[in-house]
Amino acid sequence: MEIAIMVLVVMTVTGLIFGLVLGYANKRFAIESNPLIDLVEEELPKGQCGGCGFAGCRAYAEAVVLDKDVAPNLCVPGKAAVADKVAELTGKKAEAVEPRVAHVMCKGDSKKANRKYEE
């Protein structure tokens, strides 16, 4: 019984020490981010599609806020509504957004593709 209590005490103290160390490290080494990046990211649809040419919505939000050459209308799924909101937040001018739709160009219809099973 004494061994079980001693194990519980040691594990509790160890957990508290590690918790305090991790809490201190979190506060000590925290990196401040630009709050405008978070606001722009909140307006994006968060599809992580890469249609804008960046590796996700966070990367696009960072680029559009920090780089004056990145246009606010690159989010394809967001269309004009998101482009206007991002332009308003960043102080940039949003150009007109042309709707884009994916087209399958392989011509793989039922006349060209071989059937491998019966319906």
PDB file of N, CA and C in Angstrom:
ATOM      1  N   MET A   1       0.819  -1.193   0.000  1.00  0.00           N
ATOM      2  CA  MET A   1       0.000   0.000   0.000  1.00  0.00           C
ATOM      3  C   MET A   1       0.856   1.247   0.000  1.00  0.00           C
ATOM      4  N   GLU A   2       1.969   1.206   0.773  1.00  0.00           N
ATOM      5  CA  GLU A   2       2.863   2.363   0.836  1.00  0.00           C
ATOM      6  C   GLU A   2       3.517   2.632  -0.515  1.00  0.00           C
ATOM      7  N   ILE A   3       3.810   1.583  -1.236  1.00  0.00           N
ATOM      8  CA  ILE A   3       4.448   1.745  -2.544  1.00  0.00           C
ATOM      9  C   ILE A   3       3.479   2.428  -3.512  1.00  0.00           C
ATOM     10  N   ALA A   4       2.216   2.047  -3.496  1.00  0.00           N
ATOM     11  CA  ALA A   4       1.217   2.651  -4.388  1.00  0.00           C
ATOM     12  C   ALA A   4       1.051   4.135  -4.088  1.00  0.00           C
ATOM     13  N   ILE A   5       1.022   4.497  -2.805  1.00  0.00           N
ATOM     14  CA  ILE A   5       0.895   5.905  -2.428  1.00  0.00           C
ATOM     15  C   ILE A   5       2.141   6.673  -2.849  1.00  0.00           C
ATOM     16  N   MET A   6       3.297   6.069  -2.663  1.00  0.00           N
ATOM     17  CA  MET A   6       4.553   6.723  -3.053  1.00  0.00           C
ATOM     18  C   MET A   6       4.606   6.938  -4.573  1.00  0.00           C
ATOM     19  N   VAL A   7       4.134   5.953  -5.334  1.00  0.00           N
ATOM     20  CA  VAL A   7       4.104   6.086  -6.796  1.00  0.00           C
ATOM     21  C   VAL A   7       3.173   7.229  -7.189  1.00  0.00           C
ATOM     22  N   LEU A   8       2.004   7.300  -6.575  1.00  0.00           N
ATOM     23  CA  LEU A   8       1.062   8.381  -6.882  1.00  0.00           C
ATOM     24  C   LEU A   8       1.644   9.748  -6.543  1.00  0.00           C
ATOM     25  N   VAL A   9       2.327   9.855  -5.422  1.00  0.00           N
ATOM     26  CA  VAL A   9       2.926  11.131  -5.020  1.00  0.00           C
ATOM     27  C   VAL A   9       4.017  11.530  -6.005  1.00  0.00           C
ATOM     28  N   VAL A  10       4.881  10.585  -6.369  1.00  0.00           N
ATOM     29  CA  VAL A  10       5.973  10.880  -7.304  1.00  0.00           C
ATOM     30  C   VAL A  10       5.413  11.290  -8.664  1.00  0.00           C
ATOM     31  N   MET A  11       4.403  10.581  -9.161  1.00  0.00           N
ATOM     32  CA  MET A  11       3.830  10.903 -10.465  1.00  0.00           C
ATOM     33  C   MET A  11       3.134  12.270 -10.429  1.00  0.00           C
ATOM     34  N   THR A  12       2.458  12.586  -9.347  1.00  0.00           N
ATOM     35  CA  THR A  12       1.788  13.878  -9.220  1.00  0.00           C
ATOM     36  C   THR A  12       2.800  15.013  -9.185  1.00  0.00           C
ATOM     37  N   VAL A  13       3.847  14.858  -8.402  1.00  0.00           N
ATOM     38  CA  VAL A  13       4.881  15.895  -8.320  1.00  0.00           C
ATOM     39  C   VAL A  13       5.577  16.059  -9.670  1.00  0.00           C
ATOM     40  N   THR A  14       5.879  14.952 -10.329  1.00  0.00           N
ATOM     41  CA  THR A  14       6.521  15.014 -11.649  1.00  0.00           C
ATOM     42  C   THR A  14       5.611  15.727 -12.651  1.00  0.00           C
ATOM     43  N   GLY A  15       4.321  15.408 -12.633  1.00  0.00           N
ATOM     44  CA  GLY A  15       3.379  16.070 -13.532  1.00  0.00           C
ATOM     45  C   GLY A  15       3.276  17.560 -13.262  1.00  0.00           C
ATOM     46  N   LEU A  16       3.260  17.945 -12.007  1.00  0.00           N
ATOM     47  CA  LEU A  16       3.208  19.365 -11.665  1.00  0.00           C
ATOM     48  C   LEU A  16       4.465  20.102 -12.114  1.00  0.00           C
ATOM     49  N   ILE A  17       5.618  19.484 -11.899  1.00  0.00           N
ATOM     50  CA  ILE A  17       6.875  20.126 -12.313  1.00  0.00           C
ATOM     51  C   ILE A  17       6.906  20.315 -13.824  1.00  0.00           C
ATOM     52  N   PHE A  18       6.578  19.252 -14.568  1.00  0.00           N
ATOM     53  CA  PHE A  18       6.575  19.380 -16.030  1.00  0.00           C
ATOM     54  C   PHE A  18       5.525  20.392 -16.498  1.00  0.00           C
ATOM     55  N   GLY A  19       4.368  20.415 -15.872  1.00  0.00           N
ATOM     56  CA  GLY A  19       3.338  21.384 -16.229  1.00  0.00           C
ATOM     57  C   GLY A  19       3.793  22.814 -16.016  1.00  0.00           C
ATOM     58  N   LEU A  20       4.441  23.068 -14.884  1.00  0.00           N
ATOM     59  CA  LEU A  20       4.951  24.411 -14.614  1.00  0.00           C
ATOM     60  C   LEU A  20       6.046  24.817 -15.591  1.00  0.00           C
ATOM     61  N   VAL A  21       6.945  23.874 -15.895  1.00  0.00           N
ATOM     62  CA  VAL A  21       8.028  24.172 -16.846  1.00  0.00           C
ATOM     63  C   VAL A  21       7.450  24.466 -18.227  1.00  0.00           C
ATOM     64  N   LEU A  22       6.499  23.660 -18.682  1.00  0.00           N
ATOM     65  CA  LEU A  22       5.898  23.894 -19.996  1.00  0.00           C
ATOM     66  C   LEU A  22       5.094  25.193 -20.025  1.00  0.00           C
ATOM     67  N   GLY A  23       4.398  25.509 -18.947  1.00  0.00           N
ATOM     68  CA  GLY A  23       3.661  26.768 -18.876  1.00  0.00           C
ATOM     69  C   GLY A  23       4.583  27.970 -18.941  1.00  0.00           C
ATOM     70  N   TYR A  24       5.701  27.898 -18.229  1.00  0.00           N
ATOM     71  CA  TYR A  24       6.690  28.980 -18.256  1.00  0.00           C
ATOM     72  C   TYR A  24       7.291  29.119 -19.653  1.00  0.00           C
ATOM     73  N   ALA A  25       7.656  27.984 -20.269  1.00  0.00           N
ATOM     74  CA  ALA A  25       8.248  28.026 -21.609  1.00  0.00           C
ATOM     75  C   ALA A  25       7.268  28.602 -22.627  1.00  0.00           C
ATOM     76  N   ASN A  26       5.994  28.280 -22.473  1.00  0.00           N
ATOM     77  CA  ASN A  26       4.979  28.811 -23.383  1.00  0.00           C
ATOM     78  C   ASN A  26       4.904  30.337 -23.294  1.00  0.00           C
ATOM     79  N   LYS A  27       4.944  30.873 -22.103  1.00  0.00           N
ATOM     80  CA  LYS A  27       4.897  32.328 -21.926  1.00  0.00           C
ATOM     81  C   LYS A  27       6.221  32.979 -22.325  1.00  0.00           C
ATOM     82  N   ARG A  28       7.317  32.351 -21.969  1.00  0.00           N
ATOM     83  CA  ARG A  28       8.644  32.941 -22.204  1.00  0.00           C
ATOM     84  C   ARG A  28       8.994  32.999 -23.685  1.00  0.00           C
ATOM     85  N   PHE A  29       8.667  31.968 -24.427  1.00  0.00           N
ATOM     86  CA  PHE A  29       9.073  31.879 -25.830  1.00  0.00           C
ATOM     87  C   PHE A  29       7.924  32.118 -26.796  1.00  0.00           C
ATOM     88  N   ALA A  30       6.856  32.749 -26.345  1.00  0.00           N
ATOM     89  CA  ALA A  30       5.708  33.035 -27.213  1.00  0.00           C
ATOM     90  C   ALA A  30       6.109  34.025 -28.306  1.00  0.00           C
ATOM     91  N   ILE A  31       5.587  33.808 -29.482  1.00  0.00           N
ATOM     92  CA  ILE A  31       5.866  34.682 -30.622  1.00  0.00           C
ATOM     93  C   ILE A  31       4.608  35.489 -30.910  1.00  0.00           C
ATOM     94  N   GLU A  32       4.754  36.783 -30.913  1.00  0.00           N
ATOM     95  CA  GLU A  32       3.620  37.654 -31.218  1.00  0.00           C
ATOM     96  C   GLU A  32       3.375  37.631 -32.720  1.00  0.00           C
ATOM     97  N   SER A  33       2.117  37.522 -33.104  1.00  0.00           N
ATOM     98  CA  SER A  33       1.788  37.558 -34.530  1.00  0.00           C
ATOM     99  C   SER A  33       0.988  38.826 -34.820  1.00  0.00           C
ATOM    100  N   ASN A  34       0.992  39.191 -36.066  1.00  0.00           N
ATOM    101  CA  ASN A  34       0.249  40.371 -36.511  1.00  0.00           C
ATOM    102  C   ASN A  34      -1.248  40.068 -36.418  1.00  0.00           C
ATOM    103  N   PRO A  35      -2.006  40.837 -35.644  1.00  0.00           N
ATOM    104  CA  PRO A  35      -3.445  40.545 -35.517  1.00  0.00           C
ATOM    105  C   PRO A  35      -4.209  40.708 -36.833  1.00  0.00           C
ATOM    106  N   LEU A  36      -3.682  41.490 -37.767  1.00  0.00           N
ATOM    107  CA  LEU A  36      -4.345  41.651 -39.060  1.00  0.00           C
ATOM    108  C   LEU A  36      -4.318  40.340 -39.850  1.00  0.00           C
ATOM    109  N   ILE A  37      -3.250  39.559 -39.683  1.00  0.00           N
ATOM    110  CA  ILE A  37      -3.170  38.257 -40.362  1.00  0.00           C
ATOM    111  C   ILE A  37      -4.291  37.352 -39.869  1.00  0.00           C
ATOM    112  N   ASP A  38      -4.540  37.371 -38.561  1.00  0.00           N
ATOM    113  CA  ASP A  38      -5.621  36.554 -38.015  1.00  0.00           C
ATOM    114  C   ASP A  38      -6.986  37.021 -38.519  1.00  0.00           C
ATOM    115  N   LEU A  39      -7.179  38.332 -38.644  1.00  0.00           N
ATOM    116  CA  LEU A  39      -8.451  38.850 -39.152  1.00  0.00           C
ATOM    117  C   LEU A  39      -8.686  38.444 -40.607  1.00  0.00           C
ATOM    118  N   VAL A  40      -7.632  38.538 -41.418  1.00  0.00           N
ATOM    119  CA  VAL A  40      -7.759  38.147 -42.830  1.00  0.00           C
ATOM    120  C   VAL A  40      -8.027  36.652 -42.935  1.00  0.00           C
ATOM    121  N   GLU A  41      -7.333  35.864 -42.120  1.00  0.00           N
ATOM    122  CA  GLU A  41      -7.538  34.414 -42.169  1.00  0.00           C
ATOM    123  C   GLU A  41      -8.967  34.039 -41.766  1.00  0.00           C
ATOM    124  N   GLU A  42      -9.556  34.783 -40.841  1.00  0.00           N
ATOM    125  CA  GLU A  42     -10.935  34.513 -40.437  1.00  0.00           C
ATOM    126  C   GLU A  42     -11.921  34.740 -41.580  1.00  0.00           C
ATOM    127  N   GLU A  43     -11.614  35.656 -42.484  1.00  0.00           N
ATOM    128  CA  GLU A  43     -12.508  35.942 -43.612  1.00  0.00           C
ATOM    129  C   GLU A  43     -12.400  34.901 -44.721  1.00  0.00           C
ATOM    130  N   LEU A  44     -11.288  34.180 -44.785  1.00  0.00           N
ATOM    131  CA  LEU A  44     -11.090  33.190 -45.842  1.00  0.00           C
ATOM    132  C   LEU A  44     -11.920  31.943 -45.557  1.00  0.00           C
ATOM    133  N   PRO A  45     -12.324  31.201 -46.594  1.00  0.00           N
ATOM    134  CA  PRO A  45     -13.192  30.042 -46.386  1.00  0.00           C
ATOM    135  C   PRO A  45     -12.505  28.835 -45.749  1.00  0.00           C
ATOM    136  N   LYS A  46     -11.207  28.859 -45.606  1.00  0.00           N
ATOM    137  CA  LYS A  46     -10.428  27.805 -44.953  1.00  0.00           C
ATOM    138  C   LYS A  46     -10.600  26.437 -45.611  1.00  0.00           C
ATOM    139  N   GLY A  47     -10.583  26.419 -46.918  1.00  0.00           N
ATOM    140  CA  GLY A  47     -10.647  25.158 -47.631  1.00  0.00           C
ATOM    141  C   GLY A  47      -9.274  24.548 -47.834  1.00  0.00           C
ATOM    142  N   GLN A  48      -8.219  25.316 -47.588  1.00  0.00           N
ATOM    143  CA  GLN A  48      -6.834  24.876 -47.757  1.00  0.00           C
ATOM    144  C   GLN A  48      -6.631  24.271 -49.150  1.00  0.00           C
ATOM    145  N   CYS A  49      -7.267  24.873 -50.155  1.00  0.00           N
ATOM    146  CA  CYS A  49      -7.254  24.306 -51.506  1.00  0.00           C
ATOM    147  C   CYS A  49      -5.989  24.637 -52.285  1.00  0.00           C
ATOM    148  N   GLY A  50      -5.335  25.744 -51.958  1.00  0.00           N
ATOM    149  CA  GLY A  50      -4.148  26.145 -52.701  1.00  0.00           C
ATOM    150  C   GLY A  50      -4.468  26.818 -54.021  1.00  0.00           C
ATOM    151  N   GLY A  51      -5.725  27.129 -54.279  1.00  0.00           N
ATOM    152  CA  GLY A  51      -6.116  27.775 -55.530  1.00  0.00           C
ATOM    153  C   GLY A  51      -5.533  29.168 -55.681  1.00  0.00           C
ATOM    154  N   CYS A  52      -5.130  29.768 -54.582  1.00  0.00           N
ATOM    155  CA  CYS A  52      -4.545  31.112 -54.615  1.00  0.00           C
ATOM    156  C   CYS A  52      -3.061  31.069 -54.979  1.00  0.00           C
ATOM    157  N   GLY A  53      -2.475  29.869 -54.952  1.00  0.00           N
ATOM    158  CA  GLY A  53      -1.056  29.738 -55.246  1.00  0.00           C
ATOM    159  C   GLY A  53      -0.195  29.663 -53.991  1.00  0.00           C
ATOM    160  N   PHE A  54      -0.829  29.661 -52.824  1.00  0.00           N
ATOM    161  CA  PHE A  54      -0.108  29.559 -51.555  1.00  0.00           C
ATOM    162  C   PHE A  54      -0.468  28.243 -50.889  1.00  0.00           C
ATOM    163  N   ALA A  55       0.311  27.855 -49.903  1.00  0.00           N
ATOM    164  CA  ALA A  55       0.154  26.546 -49.265  1.00  0.00           C
ATOM    165  C   ALA A  55      -0.924  26.553 -48.186  1.00  0.00           C
ATOM    166  N   GLY A  56      -2.034  27.165 -48.434  1.00  0.00           N
ATOM    167  CA  GLY A  56      -3.128  27.175 -47.477  1.00  0.00           C
ATOM    168  C   GLY A  56      -3.576  28.588 -47.159  1.00  0.00           C
ATOM    169  N   CYS A  57      -4.644  28.669 -46.402  1.00  0.00           N
ATOM    170  CA  CYS A  57      -5.247  29.972 -46.105  1.00  0.00           C
ATOM    171  C   CYS A  57      -4.358  30.830 -45.209  1.00  0.00           C
ATOM    172  N   ARG A  58      -3.670  30.226 -44.245  1.00  0.00           N
ATOM    173  CA  ARG A  58      -2.792  31.004 -43.353  1.00  0.00           C
ATOM    174  C   ARG A  58      -1.639  31.611 -44.157  1.00  0.00           C
ATOM    175  N   ALA A  59      -1.053  30.843 -45.050  1.00  0.00           N
ATOM    176  CA  ALA A  59       0.058  31.346 -45.868  1.00  0.00           C
ATOM    177  C   ALA A  59      -0.407  32.489 -46.770  1.00  0.00           C
ATOM    178  N   TYR A  60      -1.605  32.364 -47.330  1.00  0.00           N
ATOM    179  CA  TYR A  60      -2.133  33.442 -48.166  1.00  0.00           C
ATOM    180  C   TYR A  60      -2.414  34.688 -47.334  1.00  0.00           C
ATOM    181  N   ALA A  61      -2.979  34.494 -46.137  1.00  0.00           N
ATOM    182  CA  ALA A  61      -3.268  35.636 -45.265  1.00  0.00           C
ATOM    183  C   ALA A  61      -1.980  36.374 -44.891  1.00  0.00           C
ATOM    184  N   GLU A  62      -0.921  35.627 -44.573  1.00  0.00           N
ATOM    185  CA  GLU A  62       0.368  36.257 -44.253  1.00  0.00           C
ATOM    186  C   GLU A  62       0.908  37.017 -45.453  1.00  0.00           C
ATOM    187  N   ALA A  63       0.806  36.412 -46.630  1.00  0.00           N
ATOM    188  CA  ALA A  63       1.348  37.048 -47.830  1.00  0.00           C
ATOM    189  C   ALA A  63       0.579  38.316 -48.193  1.00  0.00           C
ATOM    190  N   VAL A  64      -0.739  38.260 -48.122  1.00  0.00           N
ATOM    191  CA  VAL A  64      -1.537  39.425 -48.535  1.00  0.00           C
ATOM    192  C   VAL A  64      -1.377  40.577 -47.539  1.00  0.00           C
ATOM    193  N   VAL A  65      -1.103  40.274 -46.277  1.00  0.00           N
ATOM    194  CA  VAL A  65      -0.911  41.333 -45.288  1.00  0.00           C
ATOM    195  C   VAL A  65       0.507  41.903 -45.357  1.00  0.00           C
ATOM    196  N   LEU A  66       1.508  41.041 -45.502  1.00  0.00           N
ATOM    197  CA  LEU A  66       2.899  41.480 -45.407  1.00  0.00           C
ATOM    198  C   LEU A  66       3.510  41.916 -46.728  1.00  0.00           C
ATOM    199  N   ASP A  67       2.979  41.465 -47.857  1.00  0.00           N
ATOM    200  CA  ASP A  67       3.557  41.780 -49.165  1.00  0.00           C
ATOM    201  C   ASP A  67       2.581  42.659 -49.940  1.00  0.00           C
ATOM    202  N   LYS A  68       3.030  43.845 -50.306  1.00  0.00           N
ATOM    203  CA  LYS A  68       2.138  44.782 -51.007  1.00  0.00           C
ATOM    204  C   LYS A  68       1.822  44.345 -52.431  1.00  0.00           C
ATOM    205  N   ASP A  69       2.593  43.406 -52.978  1.00  0.00           N
ATOM    206  CA  ASP A  69       2.375  42.965 -54.352  1.00  0.00           C
ATOM    207  C   ASP A  69       1.354  41.828 -54.469  1.00  0.00           C
ATOM    208  N   VAL A  70       0.958  41.231 -53.361  1.00  0.00           N
ATOM    209  CA  VAL A  70      -0.008  40.127 -53.406  1.00  0.00           C
ATOM    210  C   VAL A  70      -1.417  40.708 -53.427  1.00  0.00           C
ATOM    211  N   ALA A  71      -2.172  40.318 -54.429  1.00  0.00           N
ATOM    212  CA  ALA A  71      -3.526  40.855 -54.622  1.00  0.00           C
ATOM    213  C   ALA A  71      -4.504  40.248 -53.613  1.00  0.00           C
ATOM    214  N   PRO A  72      -5.506  41.020 -53.210  1.00  0.00           N
ATOM    215  CA  PRO A  72      -6.492  40.495 -52.257  1.00  0.00           C
ATOM    216  C   PRO A  72      -7.586  39.639 -52.883  1.00  0.00           C
ATOM    217  N   ASN A  73      -7.540  39.425 -54.192  1.00  0.00           N
ATOM    218  CA  ASN A  73      -8.610  38.692 -54.868  1.00  0.00           C
ATOM    219  C   ASN A  73      -8.169  37.320 -55.380  1.00  0.00           C
ATOM    220  N   LEU A  74      -7.193  36.699 -54.742  1.00  0.00           N
ATOM    221  CA  LEU A  74      -6.689  35.413 -55.221  1.00  0.00           C
ATOM    222  C   LEU A  74      -7.459  34.207 -54.689  1.00  0.00           C
ATOM    223  N   CYS A  75      -8.312  34.396 -53.704  1.00  0.00           N
ATOM    224  CA  CYS A  75      -9.059  33.279 -53.121  1.00  0.00           C
ATOM    225  C   CYS A  75     -10.180  32.883 -54.069  1.00  0.00           C
ATOM    226  N   VAL A  76     -10.009  31.755 -54.751  1.00  0.00           N
ATOM    227  CA  VAL A  76     -10.981  31.305 -55.751  1.00  0.00           C
ATOM    228  C   VAL A  76     -12.304  30.893 -55.105  1.00  0.00           C
ATOM    229  N   PRO A  77     -12.314  30.073 -54.048  1.00  0.00           N
ATOM    230  CA  PRO A  77     -13.607  29.686 -53.473  1.00  0.00           C
ATOM    231  C   PRO A  77     -14.354  30.846 -52.819  1.00  0.00           C
ATOM    232  N   GLY A  78     -13.630  31.854 -52.341  1.00  0.00           N
ATOM    233  CA  GLY A  78     -14.264  32.978 -51.659  1.00  0.00           C
ATOM    234  C   GLY A  78     -14.963  33.946 -52.584  1.00  0.00           C
ATOM    235  N   LYS A  79     -14.549  33.958 -53.830  1.00  0.00           N
ATOM    236  CA  LYS A  79     -15.129  34.828 -54.863  1.00  0.00           C
ATOM    237  C   LYS A  79     -15.035  36.306 -54.490  1.00  0.00           C
ATOM    238  N   ALA A  80     -15.929  37.122 -55.013  1.00  0.00           N
ATOM    239  CA  ALA A  80     -15.840  38.579 -54.859  1.00  0.00           C
ATOM    240  C   ALA A  80     -16.109  39.041 -53.433  1.00  0.00           C
ATOM    241  N   ALA A  81     -16.963  38.336 -52.709  1.00  0.00           N
ATOM    242  CA  ALA A  81     -17.296  38.760 -51.337  1.00  0.00           C
ATOM    243  C   ALA A  81     -16.066  38.723 -50.440  1.00  0.00           C
ATOM    244  N   VAL A  82     -15.303  37.644 -50.524  1.00  0.00           N
ATOM    245  CA  VAL A  82     -14.088  37.529 -49.709  1.00  0.00           C
ATOM    246  C   VAL A  82     -13.031  38.503 -50.210  1.00  0.00           C
ATOM    247  N   ALA A  83     -12.924  38.670 -51.518  1.00  0.00           N
ATOM    248  CA  ALA A  83     -11.935  39.599 -52.071  1.00  0.00           C
ATOM    249  C   ALA A  83     -12.195  41.018 -51.573  1.00  0.00           C
ATOM    250  N   ASP A  84     -13.451  41.424 -51.538  1.00  0.00           N
ATOM    251  CA  ASP A  84     -13.782  42.764 -51.047  1.00  0.00           C
ATOM    252  C   ASP A  84     -13.458  42.919 -49.572  1.00  0.00           C
ATOM    253  N   LYS A  85     -13.749  41.895 -48.776  1.00  0.00           N
ATOM    254  CA  LYS A  85     -13.482  41.952 -47.342  1.00  0.00           C
ATOM    255  C   LYS A  85     -11.976  41.993 -47.067  1.00  0.00           C
ATOM    256  N   VAL A  86     -11.205  41.175 -47.790  1.00  0.00           N
ATOM    257  CA  VAL A  86      -9.746  41.161 -47.614  1.00  0.00           C
ATOM    258  C   VAL A  86      -9.149  42.494 -48.057  1.00  0.00           C
ATOM    259  N   ALA A  87      -9.656  43.047 -49.139  1.00  0.00           N
ATOM    260  CA  ALA A  87      -9.174  44.347 -49.611  1.00  0.00           C
ATOM    261  C   ALA A  87      -9.480  45.439 -48.594  1.00  0.00           C
ATOM    262  N   GLU A  88     -10.645  45.366 -47.985  1.00  0.00           N
ATOM    263  CA  GLU A  88     -11.016  46.356 -46.979  1.00  0.00           C
ATOM    264  C   GLU A  88     -10.102  46.256 -45.755  1.00  0.00           C
ATOM    265  N   LEU A  89      -9.799  45.044 -45.326  1.00  0.00           N
ATOM    266  CA  LEU A  89      -8.947  44.852 -44.154  1.00  0.00           C
ATOM    267  C   LEU A  89      -7.504  45.282 -44.408  1.00  0.00           C
ATOM    268  N   THR A  90      -6.999  45.000 -45.612  1.00  0.00           N
ATOM    269  CA  THR A  90      -5.593  45.286 -45.908  1.00  0.00           C
ATOM    270  C   THR A  90      -5.378  46.668 -46.512  1.00  0.00           C
ATOM    271  N   GLY A  91      -6.451  47.350 -46.885  1.00  0.00           N
ATOM    272  CA  GLY A  91      -6.308  48.672 -47.480  1.00  0.00           C
ATOM    273  C   GLY A  91      -5.875  48.624 -48.933  1.00  0.00           C
ATOM    274  N   LYS A  92      -6.061  47.497 -49.582  1.00  0.00           N
ATOM    275  CA  LYS A  92      -5.709  47.349 -50.993  1.00  0.00           C
ATOM    276  C   LYS A  92      -6.968  47.470 -51.839  1.00  0.00           C
ATOM    277  N   LYS A  93      -6.746  47.623 -53.145  1.00  0.00           N
ATOM    278  CA  LYS A  93      -7.870  47.713 -54.075  1.00  0.00           C
ATOM    279  C   LYS A  93      -8.098  46.332 -54.675  1.00  0.00           C
ATOM    280  N   ALA A  94      -9.327  45.859 -54.577  1.00  0.00           N
ATOM    281  CA  ALA A  94      -9.669  44.540 -55.126  1.00  0.00           C
ATOM    282  C   ALA A  94     -10.131  44.699 -56.564  1.00  0.00           C
ATOM    283  N   GLU A  95      -9.463  44.025 -57.453  1.00  0.00           N
ATOM    284  CA  GLU A  95      -9.877  44.002 -58.852  1.00  0.00           C
ATOM    285  C   GLU A  95     -11.092  43.090 -58.984  1.00  0.00           C
ATOM    286  N   ALA A  96     -11.788  43.190 -60.105  1.00  0.00           N
ATOM    287  CA  ALA A  96     -12.943  42.336 -60.345  1.00  0.00           C
ATOM    288  C   ALA A  96     -12.497  40.878 -60.409  1.00  0.00           C
ATOM    289  N   VAL A  97     -13.287  40.006 -59.814  1.00  0.00           N
ATOM    290  CA  VAL A  97     -12.962  38.584 -59.773  1.00  0.00           C
ATOM    291  C   VAL A  97     -13.781  37.868 -60.827  1.00  0.00           C
ATOM    292  N   GLU A  98     -13.090  37.174 -61.722  1.00  0.00           N
ATOM    293  CA  GLU A  98     -13.783  36.384 -62.723  1.00  0.00           C
ATOM    294  C   GLU A  98     -14.073  35.009 -62.142  1.00  0.00           C
ATOM    295  N   PRO A  99     -15.309  34.535 -62.257  1.00  0.00           N
ATOM    296  CA  PRO A  99     -15.602  33.200 -61.729  1.00  0.00           C
ATOM    297  C   PRO A  99     -14.823  32.135 -62.486  1.00  0.00           C
ATOM    298  N   ARG A 100     -14.277  31.190 -61.740  1.00  0.00           N
ATOM    299  CA  ARG A 100     -13.518  30.101 -62.348  1.00  0.00           C
ATOM    300  C   ARG A 100     -14.170  28.772 -61.992  1.00  0.00           C
ATOM    301  N   VAL A 101     -14.263  27.901 -62.980  1.00  0.00           N
ATOM    302  CA  VAL A 101     -14.876  26.593 -62.803  1.00  0.00           C
ATOM    303  C   VAL A 101     -13.934  25.554 -63.376  1.00  0.00           C
ATOM    304  N   ALA A 102     -13.805  24.429 -62.692  1.00  0.00           N
ATOM    305  CA  ALA A 102     -12.952  23.345 -63.175  1.00  0.00           C
ATOM    306  C   ALA A 102     -13.641  22.614 -64.322  1.00  0.00           C
ATOM    307  N   HIS A 103     -12.876  22.326 -65.357  1.00  0.00           N
ATOM    308  CA  HIS A 103     -13.390  21.573 -66.490  1.00  0.00           C
ATOM    309  C   HIS A 103     -12.539  20.325 -66.673  1.00  0.00           C
ATOM    310  N   VAL A 104     -13.193  19.190 -66.861  1.00  0.00           N
ATOM    311  CA  VAL A 104     -12.481  17.950 -67.113  1.00  0.00           C
ATOM    312  C   VAL A 104     -12.171  17.898 -68.603  1.00  0.00           C
ATOM    313  N   MET A 105     -10.897  17.854 -68.938  1.00  0.00           N
ATOM    314  CA  MET A 105     -10.489  17.936 -70.339  1.00  0.00           C
ATOM    315  C   MET A 105      -9.999  16.592 -70.896  1.00  0.00           C
ATOM    316  N   CYS A 106     -10.179  15.509 -70.169  1.00  0.00           N
ATOM    317  CA  CYS A 106      -9.624  14.231 -70.626  1.00  0.00           C
ATOM    318  C   CYS A 106     -10.514  13.518 -71.636  1.00  0.00           C
ATOM    319  N   LYS A 107     -11.729  13.971 -71.837  1.00  0.00           N
ATOM    320  CA  LYS A 107     -12.679  13.378 -72.781  1.00  0.00           C
ATOM    321  C   LYS A 107     -12.925  11.905 -72.465  1.00  0.00           C
ATOM    322  N   GLY A 108     -12.963  11.573 -71.212  1.00  0.00           N
ATOM    323  CA  GLY A 108     -13.165  10.183 -70.801  1.00  0.00           C
ATOM    324  C   GLY A 108     -14.626   9.852 -70.600  1.00  0.00           C
ATOM    325  N   ASP A 109     -15.425  10.017 -71.634  1.00  0.00           N
ATOM    326  CA  ASP A 109     -16.838   9.665 -71.509  1.00  0.00           C
ATOM    327  C   ASP A 109     -17.038   8.175 -71.769  1.00  0.00           C
ATOM    328  N   SER A 110     -18.274   7.736 -71.760  1.00  0.00           N
ATOM    329  CA  SER A 110     -18.551   6.302 -71.892  1.00  0.00           C
ATOM    330  C   SER A 110     -18.275   5.758 -73.286  1.00  0.00           C
ATOM    331  N   LYS A 111     -18.120   6.597 -74.277  1.00  0.00           N
ATOM    332  CA  LYS A 111     -17.822   6.120 -75.625  1.00  0.00           C
ATOM    333  C   LYS A 111     -16.333   5.864 -75.813  1.00  0.00           C
ATOM    334  N   LYS A 112     -15.482   6.551 -75.077  1.00  0.00           N
ATOM    335  CA  LYS A 112     -14.036   6.390 -75.232  1.00  0.00           C
ATOM    336  C   LYS A 112     -13.441   5.462 -74.172  1.00  0.00           C
ATOM    337  N   ALA A 113     -14.062   5.381 -73.001  1.00  0.00           N
ATOM    338  CA  ALA A 113     -13.548   4.538 -71.928  1.00  0.00           C
ATOM    339  C   ALA A 113     -14.178   3.148 -72.012  1.00  0.00           C
ATOM    340  N   ASN A 114     -13.393   2.125 -71.759  1.00  0.00           N
ATOM    341  CA  ASN A 114     -13.899   0.753 -71.770  1.00  0.00           C
ATOM    342  C   ASN A 114     -14.576   0.441 -70.440  1.00  0.00           C
ATOM    343  N   ARG A 115     -15.710  -0.240 -70.520  1.00  0.00           N
ATOM    344  CA  ARG A 115     -16.398  -0.653 -69.310  1.00  0.00           C
ATOM    345  C   ARG A 115     -15.771  -1.940 -68.786  1.00  0.00           C
ATOM    346  N   LYS A 116     -15.549  -1.956 -67.476  1.00  0.00           N
ATOM    347  CA  LYS A 116     -14.950  -3.147 -66.864  1.00  0.00           C
ATOM    348  C   LYS A 116     -15.956  -3.907 -66.025  1.00  0.00           C
ATOM    349  N   TYR A 117     -17.192  -3.451 -65.953  1.00  0.00           N
ATOM    350  CA  TYR A 117     -18.194  -4.136 -65.151  1.00  0.00           C
ATOM    351  C   TYR A 117     -19.578  -3.828 -65.725  1.00  0.00           C
ATOM    352  N   GLU A 118     -20.540  -4.588 -65.301  1.00  0.00           N
ATOM    353  CA  GLU A 118     -21.925  -4.383 -65.718  1.00  0.00           C
ATOM    354  C   GLU A 118     -22.660  -3.626 -64.639  1.00  0.00           C
ATOM    355  N   GLU A 119     -23.511  -2.722 -65.039  1.00  0.00           N
ATOM    356  CA  GLU A 119     -24.287  -1.942 -64.073  1.00  0.00           C
ATOM    357  C   GLU A 119     -25.459  -2.715 -63.562  1.00  0.00           C
TER     358      GLU A 119
END
